[in-house]
Amino acid sequence: MGTAKVLNKEINHYLDHLNTHQKEVVLSVVKTFAQEENEWWDNMEESAKESIERGLQQAKEGKVIPHEEVMKKYKKWLSK
């Protein structure tokens, strides 16, 4: 079972044990997180969004350099 499914199952299990007021509080918290995420993305410049999306696509295509390789290349600047 995937991580998201496990989390959803566990969340639903606990929600069943909450009273109405507690559920309203949980819903408020979830909405706050969702709103913050949307505001962050919505307020970003279009060029930054495009850059992020391009990077995500490159990662999906396997066009990445391993962290260890990058660290070796730039080690001389990191030691200062």
N, C-alpha and C. Protein backbone atom coordinates (compact mmCIF):
# COMPACT_ATOMS: atom_id res chain seq x y z
N MET A 1 0.86 -1.17 0.00
CA MET A 1 0.00 0.00 0.00
C MET A 1 0.90 1.23 0.00
N GLY A 2 0.58 2.23 -0.82
CA GLY A 2 1.38 3.44 -0.91
C GLY A 2 1.29 4.29 0.34
N THR A 3 2.26 5.15 0.50
CA THR A 3 2.32 6.02 1.68
C THR A 3 1.07 6.88 1.80
N ALA A 4 0.62 7.46 0.70
CA ALA A 4 -0.57 8.32 0.74
C ALA A 4 -1.80 7.53 1.20
N LYS A 5 -1.94 6.31 0.72
CA LYS A 5 -3.09 5.49 1.12
C LYS A 5 -3.03 5.16 2.61
N VAL A 6 -1.83 4.86 3.10
CA VAL A 6 -1.66 4.55 4.53
C VAL A 6 -2.03 5.77 5.36
N LEU A 7 -1.53 6.94 4.94
CA LEU A 7 -1.84 8.17 5.68
C LEU A 7 -3.33 8.46 5.65
N ASN A 8 -3.96 8.34 4.50
CA ASN A 8 -5.40 8.58 4.40
C ASN A 8 -6.19 7.64 5.31
N LYS A 9 -5.78 6.38 5.33
CA LYS A 9 -6.47 5.40 6.18
C LYS A 9 -6.32 5.77 7.66
N GLU A 10 -5.12 6.16 8.05
CA GLU A 10 -4.88 6.51 9.45
C GLU A 10 -5.64 7.79 9.83
N ILE A 11 -5.62 8.78 8.94
CA ILE A 11 -6.36 10.02 9.21
C ILE A 11 -7.84 9.73 9.37
N ASN A 12 -8.39 8.94 8.46
CA ASN A 12 -9.81 8.60 8.54
C ASN A 12 -10.14 7.85 9.81
N HIS A 13 -9.24 6.98 10.24
CA HIS A 13 -9.45 6.24 11.49
C HIS A 13 -9.60 7.21 12.66
N TYR A 14 -8.71 8.19 12.73
CA TYR A 14 -8.76 9.14 13.85
C TYR A 14 -9.94 10.09 13.72
N LEU A 15 -10.30 10.48 12.50
CA LEU A 15 -11.44 11.37 12.32
C LEU A 15 -12.72 10.76 12.86
N ASP A 16 -12.85 9.45 12.72
CA ASP A 16 -14.04 8.76 13.21
C ASP A 16 -14.23 8.91 14.72
N HIS A 17 -13.15 9.22 15.43
CA HIS A 17 -13.22 9.30 16.89
C HIS A 17 -13.34 10.74 17.40
N LEU A 18 -13.41 11.71 16.50
CA LEU A 18 -13.49 13.11 16.90
C LEU A 18 -14.94 13.58 16.96
N ASN A 19 -15.18 14.53 17.86
CA ASN A 19 -16.51 15.14 17.89
C ASN A 19 -16.59 16.24 16.83
N THR A 20 -17.75 16.81 16.64
CA THR A 20 -17.97 17.80 15.58
C THR A 20 -17.03 18.99 15.72
N HIS A 21 -16.88 19.50 16.92
CA HIS A 21 -16.00 20.66 17.13
C HIS A 21 -14.55 20.32 16.75
N GLN A 22 -14.08 19.17 17.16
CA GLN A 22 -12.72 18.76 16.84
C GLN A 22 -12.54 18.61 15.32
N LYS A 23 -13.54 18.08 14.66
CA LYS A 23 -13.47 17.95 13.20
C LYS A 23 -13.42 19.31 12.53
N GLU A 24 -14.16 20.28 13.06
CA GLU A 24 -14.13 21.63 12.52
C GLU A 24 -12.74 22.24 12.66
N VAL A 25 -12.08 21.99 13.78
CA VAL A 25 -10.73 22.50 14.01
C VAL A 25 -9.75 21.85 13.02
N VAL A 26 -9.86 20.55 12.84
CA VAL A 26 -8.99 19.84 11.90
C VAL A 26 -9.20 20.39 10.49
N LEU A 27 -10.44 20.58 10.09
CA LEU A 27 -10.75 21.12 8.77
C LEU A 27 -10.14 22.51 8.59
N SER A 28 -10.21 23.32 9.62
CA SER A 28 -9.62 24.66 9.56
C SER A 28 -8.11 24.60 9.34
N VAL A 29 -7.45 23.69 10.03
CA VAL A 29 -6.01 23.52 9.87
C VAL A 29 -5.67 23.06 8.46
N VAL A 30 -6.41 22.09 7.95
CA VAL A 30 -6.16 21.58 6.60
C VAL A 30 -6.36 22.68 5.57
N LYS A 31 -7.42 23.46 5.72
CA LYS A 31 -7.67 24.56 4.79
C LYS A 31 -6.55 25.59 4.84
N THR A 32 -6.03 25.85 6.03
CA THR A 32 -4.93 26.81 6.18
C THR A 32 -3.70 26.33 5.43
N PHE A 33 -3.35 25.05 5.58
CA PHE A 33 -2.21 24.49 4.85
C PHE A 33 -2.42 24.59 3.34
N ALA A 34 -3.61 24.23 2.88
CA ALA A 34 -3.90 24.27 1.45
C ALA A 34 -3.83 25.70 0.91
N GLN A 35 -4.35 26.64 1.67
CA GLN A 35 -4.34 28.04 1.25
C GLN A 35 -2.91 28.58 1.18
N GLU A 36 -2.09 28.24 2.18
CA GLU A 36 -0.70 28.70 2.19
C GLU A 36 0.04 28.17 0.97
N GLU A 37 -0.19 26.91 0.62
CA GLU A 37 0.48 26.32 -0.53
C GLU A 37 0.05 27.03 -1.80
N ASN A 38 -1.23 27.28 -1.95
CA ASN A 38 -1.72 27.96 -3.15
C ASN A 38 -1.22 29.39 -3.23
N GLU A 39 -1.20 30.10 -2.12
CA GLU A 39 -0.73 31.48 -2.12
C GLU A 39 0.74 31.54 -2.51
N TRP A 40 1.52 30.61 -1.99
CA TRP A 40 2.95 30.57 -2.30
C TRP A 40 3.15 30.44 -3.80
N TRP A 41 2.47 29.51 -4.40
CA TRP A 41 2.63 29.27 -5.83
C TRP A 41 2.02 30.42 -6.64
N ASP A 42 0.85 30.88 -6.24
CA ASP A 42 0.16 31.94 -6.99
C ASP A 42 0.92 33.26 -6.97
N ASN A 43 1.68 33.51 -5.92
CA ASN A 43 2.41 34.77 -5.80
C ASN A 43 3.79 34.72 -6.45
N MET A 44 4.17 33.59 -6.95
CA MET A 44 5.49 33.44 -7.55
C MET A 44 5.48 34.00 -8.98
N GLU A 45 6.61 34.58 -9.38
CA GLU A 45 6.72 35.09 -10.74
C GLU A 45 6.61 33.94 -11.74
N GLU A 46 6.05 34.24 -12.90
CA GLU A 46 5.83 33.23 -13.92
C GLU A 46 7.14 32.58 -14.36
N SER A 47 8.21 33.37 -14.45
CA SER A 47 9.50 32.80 -14.88
C SER A 47 10.02 31.78 -13.86
N ALA A 48 9.77 32.03 -12.58
CA ALA A 48 10.19 31.08 -11.54
C ALA A 48 9.37 29.80 -11.63
N LYS A 49 8.06 29.93 -11.86
CA LYS A 49 7.21 28.75 -12.01
C LYS A 49 7.68 27.89 -13.19
N GLU A 50 7.98 28.55 -14.29
CA GLU A 50 8.44 27.83 -15.48
C GLU A 50 9.75 27.11 -15.21
N SER A 51 10.64 27.76 -14.47
CA SER A 51 11.93 27.16 -14.14
C SER A 51 11.74 25.92 -13.27
N ILE A 52 10.87 26.02 -12.29
CA ILE A 52 10.59 24.88 -11.40
C ILE A 52 9.98 23.73 -12.20
N GLU A 53 9.00 24.06 -13.04
CA GLU A 53 8.35 23.02 -13.84
C GLU A 53 9.34 22.36 -14.81
N ARG A 54 10.24 23.15 -15.38
CA ARG A 54 11.26 22.60 -16.27
C ARG A 54 12.18 21.66 -15.51
N GLY A 55 12.58 22.05 -14.30
CA GLY A 55 13.44 21.21 -13.47
C GLY A 55 12.76 19.91 -13.06
N LEU A 56 11.50 19.99 -12.72
CA LEU A 56 10.76 18.77 -12.37
C LEU A 56 10.65 17.82 -13.56
N GLN A 57 10.43 18.39 -14.75
CA GLN A 57 10.36 17.56 -15.95
C GLN A 57 11.70 16.91 -16.24
N GLN A 58 12.80 17.66 -16.08
CA GLN A 58 14.13 17.10 -16.30
C GLN A 58 14.40 15.97 -15.31
N ALA A 59 13.97 16.14 -14.07
CA ALA A 59 14.17 15.08 -13.07
C ALA A 59 13.39 13.83 -13.46
N LYS A 60 12.15 14.01 -13.93
CA LYS A 60 11.34 12.86 -14.36
C LYS A 60 12.01 12.12 -15.51
N GLU A 61 12.70 12.87 -16.36
CA GLU A 61 13.37 12.27 -17.52
C GLU A 61 14.75 11.70 -17.17
N GLY A 62 15.15 11.84 -15.91
CA GLY A 62 16.44 11.31 -15.48
C GLY A 62 17.62 12.20 -15.83
N LYS A 63 17.35 13.42 -16.21
CA LYS A 63 18.40 14.37 -16.58
C LYS A 63 18.88 15.11 -15.32
N VAL A 64 19.53 14.36 -14.45
CA VAL A 64 20.00 14.92 -13.19
C VAL A 64 21.45 14.52 -12.95
N ILE A 65 22.10 15.27 -12.07
CA ILE A 65 23.46 14.95 -11.65
C ILE A 65 23.38 14.56 -10.17
N PRO A 66 23.92 13.41 -9.80
CA PRO A 66 23.86 12.99 -8.40
C PRO A 66 24.51 14.01 -7.46
N HIS A 67 23.96 14.15 -6.30
CA HIS A 67 24.44 15.10 -5.30
C HIS A 67 25.94 14.91 -5.01
N GLU A 68 26.35 13.67 -4.88
CA GLU A 68 27.75 13.39 -4.57
C GLU A 68 28.68 13.94 -5.65
N GLU A 69 28.26 13.82 -6.89
CA GLU A 69 29.06 14.31 -8.01
C GLU A 69 29.18 15.83 -7.98
N VAL A 70 28.11 16.49 -7.69
CA VAL A 70 28.12 17.96 -7.60
C VAL A 70 29.01 18.40 -6.44
N MET A 71 28.92 17.72 -5.32
CA MET A 71 29.71 18.08 -4.15
C MET A 71 31.20 17.92 -4.43
N LYS A 72 31.58 16.89 -5.14
CA LYS A 72 32.99 16.70 -5.50
C LYS A 72 33.47 17.84 -6.38
N LYS A 73 32.65 18.23 -7.34
CA LYS A 73 33.04 19.27 -8.29
C LYS A 73 33.24 20.63 -7.60
N TYR A 74 32.40 20.94 -6.62
CA TYR A 74 32.44 22.25 -5.98
C TYR A 74 33.05 22.22 -4.58
N LYS A 75 33.76 21.16 -4.25
CA LYS A 75 34.32 20.99 -2.92
C LYS A 75 35.27 22.14 -2.53
N LYS A 76 36.05 22.63 -3.48
CA LYS A 76 37.01 23.68 -3.17
C LYS A 76 36.33 24.96 -2.70
N TRP A 77 35.11 25.25 -3.17
CA TRP A 77 34.41 26.45 -2.73
C TRP A 77 33.70 26.23 -1.41
N LEU A 78 33.41 25.01 -1.07
CA LEU A 78 32.68 24.73 0.16
C LEU A 78 33.57 24.77 1.39
N SER A 79 34.86 24.61 1.21
CA SER A 79 35.77 24.54 2.37
C SER A 79 36.19 25.92 2.88
N LYS A 80 35.78 26.98 2.22
CA LYS A 80 36.17 28.33 2.65
C LYS A 80 35.22 28.91 3.62
